[in-house]
Amino acid sequence: VAETFEQARAAAQLVKPTYEAEQGSYDLASAMPKAVVPKASNGN
C-alpha cells in the first residue's frame, strides 16, 4: 500500500519470496481415477 498506484506497483516488485516447491497435479485426464463424487449443492 502506497500513496500512489505507481509507487505501490514498483514496491511490489521489491518483495522477494522464497519457496519450497512441491510437485503439483495439473492435468484433469490424469486425475480422473482419483475423482470423487461431489457434495450435493442447493438440493442438486
All heavy atoms as atom14 arrays in JSON, in Angstrom:
{
  "sequence": "VAETFEQARAAAQLVKPTYEAEQGSYDLASAMPKAVVPKASNGN",
  "atom14_mask": [
    [1, 1, 1, 1, 1, 1, 1, 0, 0, 0, 0, 0, 0, 0],
    [1, 1, 1, 1, 1, 0, 0, 0, 0, 0, 0, 0, 0, 0],
    [1, 1, 1, 1, 1, 1, 1, 1, 1, 0, 0, 0, 0, 0],
    [1, 1, 1, 1, 1, 1, 1, 0, 0, 0, 0, 0, 0, 0],
    [1, 1, 1, 1, 1, 1, 1, 1, 1, 1, 1, 0, 0, 0],
    [1, 1, 1, 1, 1, 1, 1, 1, 1, 0, 0, 0, 0, 0],
    [1, 1, 1, 1, 1, 1, 1, 1, 1, 0, 0, 0, 0, 0],
    [1, 1, 1, 1, 1, 0, 0, 0, 0, 0, 0, 0, 0, 0],
    [1, 1, 1, 1, 1, 1, 1, 1, 1, 1, 1, 0, 0, 0],
    [1, 1, 1, 1, 1, 0, 0, 0, 0, 0, 0, 0, 0, 0],
    [1, 1, 1, 1, 1, 0, 0, 0, 0, 0, 0, 0, 0, 0],
    [1, 1, 1, 1, 1, 0, 0, 0, 0, 0, 0, 0, 0, 0],
    [1, 1, 1, 1, 1, 1, 1, 1, 1, 0, 0, 0, 0, 0],
    [1, 1, 1, 1, 1, 1, 1, 1, 0, 0, 0, 0, 0, 0],
    [1, 1, 1, 1, 1, 1, 1, 0, 0, 0, 0, 0, 0, 0],
    [1, 1, 1, 1, 1, 1, 1, 1, 1, 0, 0, 0, 0, 0],
    [1, 1, 1, 1, 1, 1, 1, 0, 0, 0, 0, 0, 0, 0],
    [1, 1, 1, 1, 1, 1, 1, 0, 0, 0, 0, 0, 0, 0],
    [1, 1, 1, 1, 1, 1, 1, 1, 1, 1, 1, 1, 0, 0],
    [1, 1, 1, 1, 1, 1, 1, 1, 1, 0, 0, 0, 0, 0],
    [1, 1, 1, 1, 1, 0, 0, 0, 0, 0, 0, 0, 0, 0],
    [1, 1, 1, 1, 1, 1, 1, 1, 1, 0, 0, 0, 0, 0],
    [1, 1, 1, 1, 1, 1, 1, 1, 1, 0, 0, 0, 0, 0],
    [1, 1, 1, 1, 0, 0, 0, 0, 0, 0, 0, 0, 0, 0],
    [1, 1, 1, 1, 1, 1, 0, 0, 0, 0, 0, 0, 0, 0],
    [1, 1, 1, 1, 1, 1, 1, 1, 1, 1, 1, 1, 0, 0],
    [1, 1, 1, 1, 1, 1, 1, 1, 0, 0, 0, 0, 0, 0],
    [1, 1, 1, 1, 1, 1, 1, 1, 0, 0, 0, 0, 0, 0],
    [1, 1, 1, 1, 1, 0, 0, 0, 0, 0, 0, 0, 0, 0],
    [1, 1, 1, 1, 1, 1, 0, 0, 0, 0, 0, 0, 0, 0],
    [1, 1, 1, 1, 1, 0, 0, 0, 0, 0, 0, 0, 0, 0],
    [1, 1, 1, 1, 1, 1, 1, 1, 0, 0, 0, 0, 0, 0],
    [1, 1, 1, 1, 1, 1, 1, 0, 0, 0, 0, 0, 0, 0],
    [1, 1, 1, 1, 1, 1, 1, 1, 1, 0, 0, 0, 0, 0],
    [1, 1, 1, 1, 1, 0, 0, 0, 0, 0, 0, 0, 0, 0],
    [1, 1, 1, 1, 1, 1, 1, 0, 0, 0, 0, 0, 0, 0],
    [1, 1, 1, 1, 1, 1, 1, 0, 0, 0, 0, 0, 0, 0],
    [1, 1, 1, 1, 1, 1, 1, 0, 0, 0, 0, 0, 0, 0],
    [1, 1, 1, 1, 1, 1, 1, 1, 1, 0, 0, 0, 0, 0],
    [1, 1, 1, 1, 1, 0, 0, 0, 0, 0, 0, 0, 0, 0],
    [1, 1, 1, 1, 1, 1, 0, 0, 0, 0, 0, 0, 0, 0],
    [1, 1, 1, 1, 1, 1, 1, 1, 0, 0, 0, 0, 0, 0],
    [1, 1, 1, 1, 0, 0, 0, 0, 0, 0, 0, 0, 0, 0],
    [1, 1, 1, 1, 1, 1, 1, 1, 0, 0, 0, 0, 0, 0]
  ],
  "atom14_positions": [
    [[0.86, -1.19, 0.0], [0.0, 0.0, 0.0], [0.89, 1.24, 0.0], [1.83, 1.34, 0.8], [-0.93, 0.02, 1.23], [-1.87, 1.21, 1.16], [-1.72, -1.27, 1.33], [0.0, 0.0, 0.0], [0.0, 0.0, 0.0], [0.0, 0.0, 0.0], [0.0, 0.0, 0.0], [0.0, 0.0, 0.0], [0.0, 0.0, 0.0], [0.0, 0.0, 0.0]],
    [[0.6, 2.16, -0.91], [1.43, 3.36, -1.04], [0.56, 4.55, -1.37], [-0.65, 4.44, -1.58], [2.5, 3.14, -2.11], [0.0, 0.0, 0.0], [0.0, 0.0, 0.0], [0.0, 0.0, 0.0], [0.0, 0.0, 0.0], [0.0, 0.0, 0.0], [0.0, 0.0, 0.0], [0.0, 0.0, 0.0], [0.0, 0.0, 0.0], [0.0, 0.0, 0.0]],
    [[1.21, 5.71, -1.46], [0.49, 6.95, -1.75], [-0.07, 6.97, -3.17], [-1.11, 7.58, -3.42], [1.4, 8.16, -1.52], [1.78, 8.39, -0.07], [0.62, 8.89, 0.77], [-0.44, 9.24, 0.19], [0.76, 8.94, 2.0], [0.0, 0.0, 0.0], [0.0, 0.0, 0.0], [0.0, 0.0, 0.0], [0.0, 0.0, 0.0], [0.0, 0.0, 0.0]],
    [[0.64, 6.35, -4.1], [0.18, 6.31, -5.49], [0.19, 4.88, -6.0], [0.89, 4.01, -5.46], [1.07, 7.17, -6.41], [2.35, 6.54, -6.55], [1.23, 8.58, -5.86], [0.0, 0.0, 0.0], [0.0, 0.0, 0.0], [0.0, 0.0, 0.0], [0.0, 0.0, 0.0], [0.0, 0.0, 0.0], [0.0, 0.0, 0.0], [0.0, 0.0, 0.0]],
    [[-0.57, 4.68, -7.06], [-0.58, 3.35, -7.68], [0.8, 2.97, -8.18], [1.25, 1.83, -8.01], [-1.59, 3.34, -8.83], [-1.53, 2.09, -9.68], [-2.15, 0.92, -9.26], [-0.85, 2.08, -10.88], [-2.08, -0.23, -10.04], [-0.78, 0.94, -11.66], [-1.4, -0.22, -11.23], [0.0, 0.0, 0.0], [0.0, 0.0, 0.0], [0.0, 0.0, 0.0]],
    [[1.48, 3.92, -8.81], [2.8, 3.62, -9.37], [3.8, 3.24, -8.28], [4.62, 2.33, -8.47], [3.31, 4.82, -10.17], [2.52, 5.12, -11.44], [1.2, 5.82, -11.2], [0.96, 6.24, -10.04], [0.41, 5.94, -12.16], [0.0, 0.0, 0.0], [0.0, 0.0, 0.0], [0.0, 0.0, 0.0], [0.0, 0.0, 0.0], [0.0, 0.0, 0.0]],
    [[3.74, 3.91, -7.14], [4.64, 3.57, -6.04], [4.34, 2.18, -5.5], [5.26, 1.41, -5.19], [4.51, 4.62, -4.93], [5.09, 5.98, -5.28], [4.76, 7.03, -4.25], [3.73, 6.95, -3.56], [5.63, 8.04, -4.11], [0.0, 0.0, 0.0], [0.0, 0.0, 0.0], [0.0, 0.0, 0.0], [0.0, 0.0, 0.0], [0.0, 0.0, 0.0]],
    [[3.05, 1.86, -5.38], [2.68, 0.53, -4.87], [3.13, -0.56, -5.84], [3.66, -1.6, -5.42], [1.17, 0.47, -4.65], [0.0, 0.0, 0.0], [0.0, 0.0, 0.0], [0.0, 0.0, 0.0], [0.0, 0.0, 0.0], [0.0, 0.0, 0.0], [0.0, 0.0, 0.0], [0.0, 0.0, 0.0], [0.0, 0.0, 0.0], [0.0, 0.0, 0.0]],
    [[2.93, -0.33, -7.12], [3.34, -1.32, -8.12], [4.86, -1.51, -8.13], [5.35, -2.65, -8.18], [2.86, -0.9, -9.49], [3.22, -1.88, -10.61], [2.66, -1.43, -11.95], [3.16, -0.11, -12.31], [2.76, 0.57, -13.38], [1.83, 0.08, -14.17], [3.26, 1.76, -13.64], [0.0, 0.0, 0.0], [0.0, 0.0, 0.0], [0.0, 0.0, 0.0]],
    [[5.6, -0.41, -8.06], [7.06, -0.52, -8.08], [7.56, -1.24, -6.83], [8.46, -2.1, -6.91], [7.68, 0.87, -8.18], [0.0, 0.0, 0.0], [0.0, 0.0, 0.0], [0.0, 0.0, 0.0], [0.0, 0.0, 0.0], [0.0, 0.0, 0.0], [0.0, 0.0, 0.0], [0.0, 0.0, 0.0], [0.0, 0.0, 0.0], [0.0, 0.0, 0.0]],
    [[7.0, -0.91, -5.68], [7.44, -1.55, -4.44], [7.08, -3.03, -4.4], [7.81, -3.84, -3.81], [6.84, -0.83, -3.24], [0.0, 0.0, 0.0], [0.0, 0.0, 0.0], [0.0, 0.0, 0.0], [0.0, 0.0, 0.0], [0.0, 0.0, 0.0], [0.0, 0.0, 0.0], [0.0, 0.0, 0.0], [0.0, 0.0, 0.0], [0.0, 0.0, 0.0]],
    [[5.96, -3.39, -5.03], [5.57, -4.8, -5.06], [6.63, -5.66, -5.74], [6.81, -6.83, -5.39], [4.23, -4.96, -5.76], [0.0, 0.0, 0.0], [0.0, 0.0, 0.0], [0.0, 0.0, 0.0], [0.0, 0.0, 0.0], [0.0, 0.0, 0.0], [0.0, 0.0, 0.0], [0.0, 0.0, 0.0], [0.0, 0.0, 0.0], [0.0, 0.0, 0.0]],
    [[7.34, -5.05, -6.71], [8.4, -5.8, -7.39], [9.6, -6.06, -6.49], [10.45, -6.9, -6.81], [8.85, -5.04, -8.64], [7.72, -4.64, -9.59], [6.87, -5.82, -10.02], [7.41, -6.85, -10.42], [5.56, -5.68, -9.92], [0.0, 0.0, 0.0], [0.0, 0.0, 0.0], [0.0, 0.0, 0.0], [0.0, 0.0, 0.0], [0.0, 0.0, 0.0]],
    [[9.68, -5.34, -5.37], [10.8, -5.49, -4.46], [10.57, -6.57, -3.4], [11.49, -6.91, -2.66], [11.08, -4.15, -3.76], [11.4, -2.97, -4.7], [11.57, -1.69, -3.88], [12.63, -3.26, -5.54], [0.0, 0.0, 0.0], [0.0, 0.0, 0.0], [0.0, 0.0, 0.0], [0.0, 0.0, 0.0], [0.0, 0.0, 0.0], [0.0, 0.0, 0.0]],
    [[9.34, -7.07, -3.31], [9.05, -8.16, -2.37], [9.68, -9.44, -2.89], [9.45, -9.83, -4.05], [7.54, -8.33, -2.17], [7.24, -9.53, -1.28], [6.92, -7.06, -1.58], [0.0, 0.0, 0.0], [0.0, 0.0, 0.0], [0.0, 0.0, 0.0], [0.0, 0.0, 0.0], [0.0, 0.0, 0.0], [0.0, 0.0, 0.0], [0.0, 0.0, 0.0]],
    [[10.48, -10.1, -2.08], [11.24, -11.27, -2.51], [10.8, -12.52, -1.75], [11.19, -12.72, -0.59], [12.75, -11.05, -2.3], [13.31, -9.82, -3.03], [13.1, -9.93, -4.54], [13.64, -8.71, -5.27], [13.31, -8.75, -6.73], [0.0, 0.0, 0.0], [0.0, 0.0, 0.0], [0.0, 0.0, 0.0], [0.0, 0.0, 0.0], [0.0, 0.0, 0.0]],
    [[10.0, -13.36, -2.37], [9.59, -14.6, -1.71], [10.61, -15.72, -1.92], [11.34, -15.74, -2.91], [8.27, -14.94, -2.41], [8.43, -14.35, -3.78], [9.3, -13.14, -3.64], [0.0, 0.0, 0.0], [0.0, 0.0, 0.0], [0.0, 0.0, 0.0], [0.0, 0.0, 0.0], [0.0, 0.0, 0.0], [0.0, 0.0, 0.0], [0.0, 0.0, 0.0]],
    [[10.63, -16.63, -0.97], [11.41, -17.86, -1.09], [10.44, -19.03, -0.92], [9.69, -19.08, 0.06], [12.51, -17.95, -0.02], [13.38, -16.82, -0.17], [13.31, -19.24, -0.18], [0.0, 0.0, 0.0], [0.0, 0.0, 0.0], [0.0, 0.0, 0.0], [0.0, 0.0, 0.0], [0.0, 0.0, 0.0], [0.0, 0.0, 0.0], [0.0, 0.0, 0.0]],
    [[10.47, -19.94, -1.89], [9.5, -21.05, -1.88], [10.19, -22.38, -1.66], [11.36, -22.57, -1.99], [8.77, -21.12, -3.23], [8.06, -19.87, -3.65], [8.56, -19.07, -4.68], [6.87, -19.48, -3.04], [7.9, -17.91, -5.08], [6.2, -18.33, -3.44], [6.73, -17.55, -4.47], [6.08, -16.41, -4.87], [0.0, 0.0, 0.0], [0.0, 0.0, 0.0]],
    [[9.43, -23.29, -1.11], [9.78, -24.71, -1.14], [8.72, -25.37, -2.01], [7.63, -25.68, -1.55], [9.79, -25.29, 0.27], [10.91, -24.75, 1.15], [10.87, -25.31, 2.56], [9.95, -26.12, 2.86], [11.74, -24.94, 3.37], [0.0, 0.0, 0.0], [0.0, 0.0, 0.0], [0.0, 0.0, 0.0], [0.0, 0.0, 0.0], [0.0, 0.0, 0.0]],
    [[9.05, -25.52, -3.27], [8.06, -26.0, -4.24], [7.88, -27.5, -4.14], [8.82, -28.25, -3.82], [8.5, -25.61, -5.64], [0.0, 0.0, 0.0], [0.0, 0.0, 0.0], [0.0, 0.0, 0.0], [0.0, 0.0, 0.0], [0.0, 0.0, 0.0], [0.0, 0.0, 0.0], [0.0, 0.0, 0.0], [0.0, 0.0, 0.0], [0.0, 0.0, 0.0]],
    [[6.67, -27.94, -4.43], [6.33, -29.36, -4.49], [5.77, -29.69, -5.86], [5.29, -28.81, -6.58], [5.3, -29.71, -3.41], [5.74, -29.43, -1.99], [4.62, -29.68, -0.99], [3.64, -30.39, -1.36], [4.7, -29.16, 0.13], [0.0, 0.0, 0.0], [0.0, 0.0, 0.0], [0.0, 0.0, 0.0], [0.0, 0.0, 0.0], [0.0, 0.0, 0.0]],
    [[5.82, -30.96, -6.22], [5.24, -31.38, -7.48], [3.72, -31.32, -7.39], [3.12, -31.88, -6.47], [5.67, -32.81, -7.82], [5.14, -33.33, -9.14], [5.64, -32.51, -10.33], [6.82, -32.19, -10.41], [4.74, -32.16, -11.22], [0.0, 0.0, 0.0], [0.0, 0.0, 0.0], [0.0, 0.0, 0.0], [0.0, 0.0, 0.0], [0.0, 0.0, 0.0]],
    [[3.11, -30.63, -8.34], [1.67, -30.5, -8.32], [0.98, -31.36, -9.36], [1.62, -32.01, -10.19], [0.0, 0.0, 0.0], [0.0, 0.0, 0.0], [0.0, 0.0, 0.0], [0.0, 0.0, 0.0], [0.0, 0.0, 0.0], [0.0, 0.0, 0.0], [0.0, 0.0, 0.0], [0.0, 0.0, 0.0], [0.0, 0.0, 0.0], [0.0, 0.0, 0.0]],
    [[-0.35, -31.33, -9.31], [-1.17, -32.07, -10.27], [-1.99, -31.05, -11.05], [-2.75, -30.28, -10.47], [-2.1, -33.04, -9.53], [-2.97, -33.7, -10.42], [0.0, 0.0, 0.0], [0.0, 0.0, 0.0], [0.0, 0.0, 0.0], [0.0, 0.0, 0.0], [0.0, 0.0, 0.0], [0.0, 0.0, 0.0], [0.0, 0.0, 0.0], [0.0, 0.0, 0.0]],
    [[-1.81, -31.04, -12.37], [-2.41, -30.0, -13.2], [-3.2, -30.53, -14.39], [-3.67, -29.75, -15.21], [-1.32, -29.05, -13.71], [-0.33, -28.62, -12.65], [1.02, -28.92, -12.77], [-0.76, -27.93, -11.52], [1.93, -28.52, -11.79], [0.14, -27.54, -10.54], [1.48, -27.84, -10.68], [2.38, -27.46, -9.71], [0.0, 0.0, 0.0], [0.0, 0.0, 0.0]],
    [[-3.37, -31.84, -14.5], [-3.99, -32.43, -15.68], [-5.23, -33.22, -15.28], [-5.14, -34.18, -14.49], [-2.99, -33.34, -16.39], [-3.58, -33.98, -17.62], [-3.98, -33.24, -18.55], [-3.68, -35.22, -17.66], [0.0, 0.0, 0.0], [0.0, 0.0, 0.0], [0.0, 0.0, 0.0], [0.0, 0.0, 0.0], [0.0, 0.0, 0.0], [0.0, 0.0, 0.0]],
    [[-6.38, -32.82, -15.81], [-7.64, -33.46, -15.43], [-7.67, -34.92, -15.85], [-8.11, -35.77, -15.07], [-8.81, -32.7, -16.05], [-10.21, -33.29, -15.81], [-10.51, -33.42, -14.33], [-11.27, -32.41, -16.5], [0.0, 0.0, 0.0], [0.0, 0.0, 0.0], [0.0, 0.0, 0.0], [0.0, 0.0, 0.0], [0.0, 0.0, 0.0], [0.0, 0.0, 0.0]],
    [[-7.21, -35.24, -17.05], [-7.26, -36.63, -17.52], [-6.48, -37.54, -16.58], [-6.93, -38.65, -16.26], [-6.73, -36.71, -18.94], [0.0, 0.0, 0.0], [0.0, 0.0, 0.0], [0.0, 0.0, 0.0], [0.0, 0.0, 0.0], [0.0, 0.0, 0.0], [0.0, 0.0, 0.0], [0.0, 0.0, 0.0], [0.0, 0.0, 0.0], [0.0, 0.0, 0.0]],
    [[-5.32, -37.08, -16.13], [-4.51, -37.91, -15.23], [-5.15, -38.06, -13.86], [-4.93, -39.06, -13.17], [-3.12, -37.28, -15.08], [-2.46, -37.19, -16.33], [0.0, 0.0, 0.0], [0.0, 0.0, 0.0], [0.0, 0.0, 0.0], [0.0, 0.0, 0.0], [0.0, 0.0, 0.0], [0.0, 0.0, 0.0], [0.0, 0.0, 0.0], [0.0, 0.0, 0.0]],
    [[-5.95, -37.07, -13.47], [-6.56, -37.09, -12.14], [-7.91, -37.8, -12.11], [-8.47, -37.99, -11.02], [-6.73, -35.66, -11.63], [0.0, 0.0, 0.0], [0.0, 0.0, 0.0], [0.0, 0.0, 0.0], [0.0, 0.0, 0.0], [0.0, 0.0, 0.0], [0.0, 0.0, 0.0], [0.0, 0.0, 0.0], [0.0, 0.0, 0.0], [0.0, 0.0, 0.0]],
    [[-8.41, -38.22, -13.24], [-9.74, -38.84, -13.27], [-9.89, -40.05, -12.36], [-10.92, -40.2, -11.69], [-10.11, -39.21, -14.71], [-10.47, -38.01, -15.57], [-10.68, -38.44, -17.33], [-12.09, -39.55, -17.26], [0.0, 0.0, 0.0], [0.0, 0.0, 0.0], [0.0, 0.0, 0.0], [0.0, 0.0, 0.0], [0.0, 0.0, 0.0], [0.0, 0.0, 0.0]],
    [[-8.89, -40.94, -12.27], [-9.08, -42.11, -11.41], [-9.3, -41.77, -9.93], [-9.9, -42.55, -9.19], [-7.77, -42.9, -11.6], [-7.27, -42.48, -12.95], [-7.64, -41.03, -13.06], [0.0, 0.0, 0.0], [0.0, 0.0, 0.0], [0.0, 0.0, 0.0], [0.0, 0.0, 0.0], [0.0, 0.0, 0.0], [0.0, 0.0, 0.0], [0.0, 0.0, 0.0]],
    [[-8.83, -40.6, -9.49], [-8.97, -40.21, -8.09], [-10.12, -39.24, -7.88], [-10.32, -38.75, -6.76], [-7.66, -39.59, -7.59], [-6.48, -40.56, -7.56], [-5.24, -39.89, -6.99], [-4.08, -40.86, -6.93], [-2.84, -40.22, -6.38], [0.0, 0.0, 0.0], [0.0, 0.0, 0.0], [0.0, 0.0, 0.0], [0.0, 0.0, 0.0], [0.0, 0.0, 0.0]],
    [[-10.88, -38.96, -8.92], [-12.0, -38.03, -8.78], [-13.07, -38.62, -7.86], [-13.27, -39.83, -7.8], [-12.59, -37.73, -10.15], [0.0, 0.0, 0.0], [0.0, 0.0, 0.0], [0.0, 0.0, 0.0], [0.0, 0.0, 0.0], [0.0, 0.0, 0.0], [0.0, 0.0, 0.0], [0.0, 0.0, 0.0], [0.0, 0.0, 0.0], [0.0, 0.0, 0.0]],
    [[-13.76, -37.75, -7.14], [-14.74, -38.18, -6.15], [-16.13, -37.68, -6.52], [-16.3, -36.79, -7.36], [-14.36, -37.67, -4.74], [-12.99, -38.19, -4.34], [-14.4, -36.13, -4.69], [0.0, 0.0, 0.0], [0.0, 0.0, 0.0], [0.0, 0.0, 0.0], [0.0, 0.0, 0.0], [0.0, 0.0, 0.0], [0.0, 0.0, 0.0], [0.0, 0.0, 0.0]],
    [[-17.13, -38.27, -5.88], [-18.5, -37.78, -6.03], [-18.62, -36.48, -5.25], [-18.39, -36.46, -4.04], [-19.52, -38.8, -5.51], [-20.94, -38.27, -5.68], [-19.36, -40.14, -6.21], [0.0, 0.0, 0.0], [0.0, 0.0, 0.0], [0.0, 0.0, 0.0], [0.0, 0.0, 0.0], [0.0, 0.0, 0.0], [0.0, 0.0, 0.0], [0.0, 0.0, 0.0]],
    [[-18.94, -35.37, -5.89], [-19.03, -34.09, -5.16], [-20.26, -34.03, -4.27], [-21.2, -34.82, -4.41], [-19.1, -33.06, -6.29], [-19.69, -33.8, -7.45], [-19.2, -35.22, -7.33], [0.0, 0.0, 0.0], [0.0, 0.0, 0.0], [0.0, 0.0, 0.0], [0.0, 0.0, 0.0], [0.0, 0.0, 0.0], [0.0, 0.0, 0.0], [0.0, 0.0, 0.0]],
    [[-20.24, -33.07, -3.37], [-21.36, -32.87, -2.47], [-22.55, -32.28, -3.23], [-22.38, -31.53, -4.18], [-20.97, -31.93, -1.34], [-19.86, -32.43, -0.43], [-19.5, -31.38, 0.62], [-18.36, -31.87, 1.5], [-17.97, -30.82, 2.49], [0.0, 0.0, 0.0], [0.0, 0.0, 0.0], [0.0, 0.0, 0.0], [0.0, 0.0, 0.0], [0.0, 0.0, 0.0]],
    [[-23.74, -32.64, -2.78], [-24.94, -32.02, -3.35], [-24.91, -30.53, -3.05], [-24.43, -30.1, -2.0], [-26.18, -32.66, -2.77], [0.0, 0.0, 0.0], [0.0, 0.0, 0.0], [0.0, 0.0, 0.0], [0.0, 0.0, 0.0], [0.0, 0.0, 0.0], [0.0, 0.0, 0.0], [0.0, 0.0, 0.0], [0.0, 0.0, 0.0], [0.0, 0.0, 0.0]],
    [[-25.42, -29.73, -3.97], [-25.41, -28.29, -3.82], [-26.79, -27.73, -4.12], [-27.36, -27.99, -5.18], [-24.38, -27.67, -4.78], [-24.41, -26.27, -4.72], [0.0, 0.0, 0.0], [0.0, 0.0, 0.0], [0.0, 0.0, 0.0], [0.0, 0.0, 0.0], [0.0, 0.0, 0.0], [0.0, 0.0, 0.0], [0.0, 0.0, 0.0], [0.0, 0.0, 0.0]],
    [[-27.34, -26.96, -3.16], [-28.67, -26.35, -3.33], [-29.72, -27.38, -3.71], [-30.59, -27.13, -4.55], [-28.61, -25.25, -4.39], [-27.69, -24.11, -3.99], [-27.64, -23.73, -2.83], [-26.93, -23.59, -4.95], [0.0, 0.0, 0.0], [0.0, 0.0, 0.0], [0.0, 0.0, 0.0], [0.0, 0.0, 0.0], [0.0, 0.0, 0.0], [0.0, 0.0, 0.0]],
    [[-29.65, -28.55, -3.09], [-30.6, -29.61, -3.38], [-30.35, -30.34, -4.67], [-31.13, -31.23, -5.05], [0.0, 0.0, 0.0], [0.0, 0.0, 0.0], [0.0, 0.0, 0.0], [0.0, 0.0, 0.0], [0.0, 0.0, 0.0], [0.0, 0.0, 0.0], [0.0, 0.0, 0.0], [0.0, 0.0, 0.0], [0.0, 0.0, 0.0], [0.0, 0.0, 0.0]],
    [[-29.29, -30.0, -5.37], [-28.98, -30.6, -6.65], [-28.03, -31.78, -6.44], [-26.88, -31.6, -6.01], [-28.35, -29.55, -7.57], [-27.96, -30.12, -8.91], [-28.74, -30.84, -9.52], [-26.76, -29.81, -9.37], [0.0, 0.0, 0.0], [0.0, 0.0, 0.0], [0.0, 0.0, 0.0], [0.0, 0.0, 0.0], [0.0, 0.0, 0.0], [0.0, 0.0, 0.0]]
  ]
}
